[in-house]
Amino acid sequence: MEEIYLTPLTGSILVVLAVGSGHLFRDNWKKQEDGWQRRAWLYGVLAGGSLLTLAFVPLKF
C-alpha cells in the first residue's frame, strides 16, 4: 500500500473539487428546485469522497 499516494497537484485538485462540490451542494439544498435531491447527492458524494481521500491517502512531495 506504500505505492498509493497523492502528489501536491492531485491534492490541490481534490481540495478545489471538495470546496466546489460543497458549495454546489449547499446552493442546491437552499433552492430546492426540481430534481434537487439527485444533484445534492451527486455533489455530496463528490465532496465527501474528495475529503475522505485527502484524509486517508498520504501526500508525497
Protein backbone atom coordinates (compact mmCIF):
# COMPACT_ATOMS: atom_id res chain seq x y z
CA MET A 1 0.00 0.00 0.00
CA GLU A 2 3.06 2.24 0.08
CA GLU A 3 2.75 2.87 -3.65
CA ILE A 4 -0.56 4.74 -3.23
CA TYR A 5 -0.04 8.44 -2.56
CA LEU A 6 -1.18 11.88 -3.70
CA THR A 7 1.04 14.39 -5.43
CA PRO A 8 0.71 18.05 -4.47
CA LEU A 9 -1.12 18.75 -7.75
CA THR A 10 -3.60 15.93 -7.15
CA GLY A 11 -4.16 17.09 -3.58
CA SER A 12 -4.80 20.63 -4.76
CA ILE A 13 -7.28 19.43 -7.36
CA LEU A 14 -9.11 17.41 -4.71
CA VAL A 15 -9.33 20.43 -2.41
CA VAL A 16 -10.82 22.54 -5.21
CA LEU A 17 -13.23 19.71 -6.10
CA ALA A 18 -14.33 19.33 -2.47
CA VAL A 19 -14.90 23.07 -1.98
CA GLY A 20 -16.71 23.48 -5.30
CA SER A 21 -18.91 20.44 -4.76
CA GLY A 22 -19.73 21.52 -1.22
CA HIS A 23 -20.76 24.95 -2.45
CA LEU A 24 -22.96 23.47 -5.18
CA PHE A 25 -24.49 21.08 -2.63
CA ARG A 26 -25.40 23.98 -0.36
CA ASP A 27 -26.88 26.03 -3.22
CA ASN A 28 -28.98 23.06 -4.33
CA TRP A 29 -30.24 22.49 -0.82
CA LYS A 30 -31.23 26.13 -0.38
CA LYS A 31 -33.05 26.49 -3.74
CA GLN A 32 -34.72 23.05 -3.83
CA GLU A 33 -35.71 23.22 -7.49
CA ASP A 34 -36.95 20.18 -9.43
CA GLY A 35 -34.52 17.26 -9.16
CA TRP A 36 -32.53 18.92 -6.38
CA GLN A 37 -32.16 15.75 -4.31
CA ARG A 38 -30.36 13.85 -7.05
CA ARG A 39 -27.97 16.74 -7.66
CA ALA A 40 -27.44 17.19 -3.92
CA TRP A 41 -26.48 13.51 -3.60
CA LEU A 42 -24.07 13.81 -6.52
CA TYR A 43 -22.36 16.89 -5.11
CA GLY A 44 -22.36 15.49 -1.58
CA VAL A 45 -20.74 12.24 -2.66
CA LEU A 46 -18.10 14.13 -4.66
CA ALA A 47 -17.31 16.41 -1.72
CA GLY A 48 -17.26 13.57 0.79
CA GLY A 49 -15.14 11.32 -1.41
CA SER A 50 -12.65 14.10 -2.01
CA LEU A 51 -12.35 14.87 1.69
CA LEU A 52 -12.03 11.20 2.64
CA THR A 53 -9.31 10.73 0.02
CA LEU A 54 -7.44 13.75 1.36
CA ALA A 55 -7.78 12.43 4.91
CA PHE A 56 -6.60 8.85 4.36
CA VAL A 57 -4.21 8.87 1.38
CA PRO A 58 -0.77 10.23 2.18
CA LEU A 59 0.71 13.17 0.33
CA LYS A 60 4.16 12.65 -1.19
CA PHE A 61 6.41 15.59 -2.09
